[in-house]
């Protein structure tokens, strides 16, 4: 038997998950990883310096991950 509270939690989880190779990932993690890779690529092309590209990509990816993680935890 499913209560209304369980249904809402399950529905929210399904809407926030992305299936990668059959494994459910929270959408905010995928967004953070993609955004970090894009920033690393753009900075790498613009500066031609690997160190700056990696640091910028890691910084943006980490900040996005933490911010969206906090936002998603308050929505549940």
N, C-alpha and C. Protein backbone atom coordinates (compact mmCIF):
# COMPACT_ATOMS: atom_id res chain seq x y z
N UNK A 1 0.84 -1.17 0.00
CA UNK A 1 0.00 0.00 0.00
C UNK A 1 0.89 1.24 0.00
N UNK A 2 0.59 2.19 -0.87
CA UNK A 2 1.38 3.41 -1.00
C UNK A 2 0.60 4.58 -0.43
N UNK A 3 1.23 5.30 0.47
CA UNK A 3 0.59 6.48 1.01
C UNK A 3 0.90 7.67 0.12
N UNK A 4 0.19 8.76 0.31
CA UNK A 4 0.40 9.96 -0.51
C UNK A 4 1.82 10.51 -0.33
N UNK A 5 2.35 10.46 0.86
CA UNK A 5 3.70 10.94 1.12
C UNK A 5 4.75 10.13 0.38
N UNK A 6 4.59 8.81 0.39
CA UNK A 6 5.52 7.96 -0.33
C UNK A 6 5.43 8.20 -1.83
N UNK A 7 4.24 8.41 -2.32
CA UNK A 7 4.06 8.65 -3.75
C UNK A 7 4.75 9.94 -4.17
N UNK A 8 4.62 11.01 -3.38
CA UNK A 8 5.27 12.28 -3.71
C UNK A 8 6.78 12.13 -3.71
N UNK A 9 7.32 11.43 -2.73
CA UNK A 9 8.76 11.23 -2.66
C UNK A 9 9.25 10.43 -3.86
N UNK A 10 8.54 9.38 -4.22
CA UNK A 10 8.92 8.55 -5.36
C UNK A 10 8.81 9.34 -6.64
N UNK A 11 7.77 10.12 -6.82
CA UNK A 11 7.58 10.92 -8.03
C UNK A 11 8.67 11.98 -8.15
N UNK A 12 9.05 12.61 -7.03
CA UNK A 12 10.10 13.62 -7.07
C UNK A 12 11.43 12.98 -7.43
N UNK A 13 11.69 11.80 -6.91
CA UNK A 13 12.94 11.11 -7.18
C UNK A 13 13.03 10.72 -8.66
N UNK A 14 11.94 10.25 -9.22
CA UNK A 14 11.93 9.84 -10.62
C UNK A 14 12.17 11.04 -11.52
N UNK A 15 11.59 12.19 -11.21
CA UNK A 15 11.74 13.38 -12.04
C UNK A 15 13.14 13.95 -11.95
N UNK A 16 13.86 13.70 -10.87
CA UNK A 16 15.19 14.27 -10.68
C UNK A 16 16.31 13.31 -11.06
N UNK A 17 15.98 12.11 -11.52
CA UNK A 17 17.00 11.13 -11.87
C UNK A 17 17.19 11.04 -13.38
N UNK A 18 18.44 10.77 -13.77
CA UNK A 18 18.79 10.55 -15.16
C UNK A 18 19.43 9.16 -15.23
N UNK A 19 18.98 8.34 -16.16
CA UNK A 19 19.52 6.99 -16.27
C UNK A 19 20.72 6.99 -17.21
N UNK A 20 21.89 6.61 -16.68
CA UNK A 20 23.11 6.49 -17.47
C UNK A 20 23.58 5.06 -17.35
N UNK A 21 23.55 4.34 -18.47
CA UNK A 21 23.94 2.93 -18.51
C UNK A 21 23.13 2.12 -17.51
N UNK A 22 21.86 2.47 -17.35
CA UNK A 22 20.97 1.74 -16.47
C UNK A 22 21.10 2.09 -15.00
N UNK A 23 21.95 3.06 -14.68
CA UNK A 23 22.15 3.47 -13.30
C UNK A 23 21.53 4.84 -13.10
N UNK A 24 20.61 5.00 -12.15
CA UNK A 24 20.00 6.32 -11.93
C UNK A 24 20.97 7.28 -11.25
N UNK A 25 21.16 8.45 -11.86
CA UNK A 25 21.99 9.52 -11.30
C UNK A 25 21.11 10.70 -11.00
N UNK A 26 21.35 11.42 -9.92
CA UNK A 26 20.62 12.67 -9.71
C UNK A 26 20.96 13.66 -10.83
N UNK A 27 19.98 14.37 -11.32
CA UNK A 27 20.18 15.27 -12.45
C UNK A 27 21.19 16.36 -12.14
N UNK A 28 21.25 16.83 -10.89
CA UNK A 28 22.18 17.90 -10.57
C UNK A 28 23.64 17.45 -10.72
N UNK A 29 23.92 16.18 -10.51
CA UNK A 29 25.28 15.68 -10.69
C UNK A 29 25.67 15.69 -12.17
N UNK A 30 24.75 15.27 -13.02
CA UNK A 30 25.01 15.25 -14.46
C UNK A 30 25.20 16.68 -14.96
N UNK A 31 24.36 17.59 -14.52
CA UNK A 31 24.47 18.99 -14.93
C UNK A 31 25.82 19.57 -14.50
N UNK A 32 26.23 19.30 -13.27
CA UNK A 32 27.50 19.82 -12.76
C UNK A 32 28.69 19.25 -13.54
N UNK A 33 28.66 17.97 -13.85
CA UNK A 33 29.76 17.36 -14.60
C UNK A 33 29.85 17.91 -16.02
N UNK A 34 28.71 18.06 -16.67
CA UNK A 34 28.70 18.60 -18.04
C UNK A 34 29.16 20.05 -18.04
N UNK A 35 28.66 20.85 -17.11
CA UNK A 35 29.04 22.25 -17.03
C UNK A 35 30.54 22.40 -16.75
N UNK A 36 31.07 21.60 -15.86
CA UNK A 36 32.51 21.63 -15.56
C UNK A 36 33.35 21.27 -16.77
N UNK A 37 32.92 20.27 -17.53
CA UNK A 37 33.65 19.88 -18.73
C UNK A 37 33.60 20.96 -19.80
N UNK A 38 32.45 21.60 -19.97
CA UNK A 38 32.31 22.67 -20.96
C UNK A 38 33.20 23.86 -20.58
N UNK A 39 33.20 24.24 -19.31
CA UNK A 39 34.03 25.35 -18.86
C UNK A 39 35.51 25.01 -19.05
N UNK A 40 35.90 23.81 -18.72
CA UNK A 40 37.30 23.40 -18.90
C UNK A 40 37.70 23.47 -20.38
N UNK A 41 36.81 23.04 -21.26
CA UNK A 41 37.10 23.09 -22.69
C UNK A 41 37.22 24.53 -23.18
N UNK A 42 36.28 25.38 -22.78
CA UNK A 42 36.30 26.78 -23.23
C UNK A 42 37.54 27.51 -22.70
N UNK A 43 37.83 27.34 -21.43
CA UNK A 43 39.01 28.01 -20.85
C UNK A 43 40.29 27.44 -21.46
N UNK A 44 40.32 26.16 -21.72
CA UNK A 44 41.49 25.56 -22.34
C UNK A 44 41.75 26.09 -23.74
N UNK A 45 40.69 26.27 -24.51
CA UNK A 45 40.84 26.82 -25.85
C UNK A 45 41.22 28.30 -25.79
N UNK A 46 40.62 29.03 -24.87
CA UNK A 46 40.88 30.47 -24.77
C UNK A 46 42.28 30.79 -24.26
N UNK A 47 42.78 30.00 -23.31
CA UNK A 47 44.07 30.32 -22.70
C UNK A 47 45.20 29.42 -23.15
N UNK A 48 44.88 28.27 -23.72
CA UNK A 48 45.88 27.27 -24.14
C UNK A 48 46.75 26.83 -22.96
N UNK A 49 46.17 26.86 -21.77
CA UNK A 49 46.87 26.42 -20.56
C UNK A 49 46.02 25.36 -19.86
N UNK A 50 46.58 24.18 -19.74
CA UNK A 50 45.83 23.08 -19.14
C UNK A 50 45.52 23.32 -17.66
N UNK A 51 46.46 23.90 -16.95
CA UNK A 51 46.26 24.11 -15.51
C UNK A 51 45.07 25.02 -15.23
N UNK A 52 44.98 26.12 -15.95
CA UNK A 52 43.86 27.04 -15.75
C UNK A 52 42.55 26.40 -16.16
N UNK A 53 42.57 25.64 -17.23
CA UNK A 53 41.35 24.98 -17.70
C UNK A 53 40.84 23.97 -16.68
N UNK A 54 41.74 23.18 -16.14
CA UNK A 54 41.34 22.17 -15.15
C UNK A 54 40.83 22.82 -13.87
N UNK A 55 41.52 23.84 -13.41
CA UNK A 55 41.08 24.51 -12.18
C UNK A 55 39.74 25.21 -12.36
N UNK A 56 39.54 25.87 -13.49
CA UNK A 56 38.26 26.55 -13.74
C UNK A 56 37.13 25.54 -13.87
N UNK A 57 37.35 24.46 -14.61
CA UNK A 57 36.33 23.43 -14.76
C UNK A 57 35.98 22.77 -13.44
N UNK A 58 37.00 22.48 -12.64
CA UNK A 58 36.76 21.86 -11.33
C UNK A 58 36.02 22.81 -10.39
N UNK A 59 36.37 24.08 -10.43
CA UNK A 59 35.71 25.06 -9.56
C UNK A 59 34.24 25.21 -9.93
N UNK A 60 33.95 25.38 -11.21
CA UNK A 60 32.56 25.54 -11.64
C UNK A 60 31.76 24.27 -11.38
N UNK A 61 32.36 23.12 -11.68
CA UNK A 61 31.67 21.86 -11.43
C UNK A 61 31.35 21.65 -9.96
N UNK A 62 32.30 21.96 -9.10
CA UNK A 62 32.09 21.79 -7.66
C UNK A 62 31.04 22.76 -7.13
N UNK A 63 31.13 24.02 -7.53
CA UNK A 63 30.15 25.00 -7.07
C UNK A 63 28.74 24.65 -7.55
N UNK A 64 28.63 24.21 -8.79
CA UNK A 64 27.33 23.82 -9.33
C UNK A 64 26.79 22.61 -8.57
N UNK A 65 27.63 21.62 -8.35
CA UNK A 65 27.24 20.40 -7.64
C UNK A 65 26.70 20.74 -6.25
N UNK A 66 27.45 21.56 -5.50
CA UNK A 66 27.07 21.90 -4.13
C UNK A 66 25.78 22.73 -4.11
N UNK A 67 25.69 23.72 -5.00
CA UNK A 67 24.52 24.60 -5.02
C UNK A 67 23.27 23.85 -5.42
N UNK A 68 23.34 23.05 -6.47
CA UNK A 68 22.15 22.30 -6.91
C UNK A 68 21.81 21.19 -5.93
N UNK A 69 22.80 20.62 -5.28
CA UNK A 69 22.55 19.61 -4.26
C UNK A 69 21.76 20.20 -3.10
N UNK A 70 22.16 21.38 -2.67
CA UNK A 70 21.44 22.04 -1.58
C UNK A 70 20.03 22.43 -2.02
N UNK A 71 19.89 22.90 -3.24
CA UNK A 71 18.57 23.27 -3.75
C UNK A 71 17.66 22.06 -3.86
N UNK A 72 18.17 20.96 -4.39
CA UNK A 72 17.34 19.75 -4.55
C UNK A 72 16.97 19.13 -3.20
N UNK A 73 17.83 19.24 -2.21
CA UNK A 73 17.50 18.67 -0.90
C UNK A 73 16.40 19.47 -0.20
N UNK A 74 16.27 20.76 -0.50
CA UNK A 74 15.20 21.55 0.11
C UNK A 74 13.88 21.32 -0.59
N UNK A 75 13.90 20.85 -1.83
CA UNK A 75 12.66 20.60 -2.59
C UNK A 75 11.99 19.31 -2.15
N UNK A 76 12.72 18.40 -1.57
CA UNK A 76 12.15 17.10 -1.20
C UNK A 76 11.49 17.10 0.11
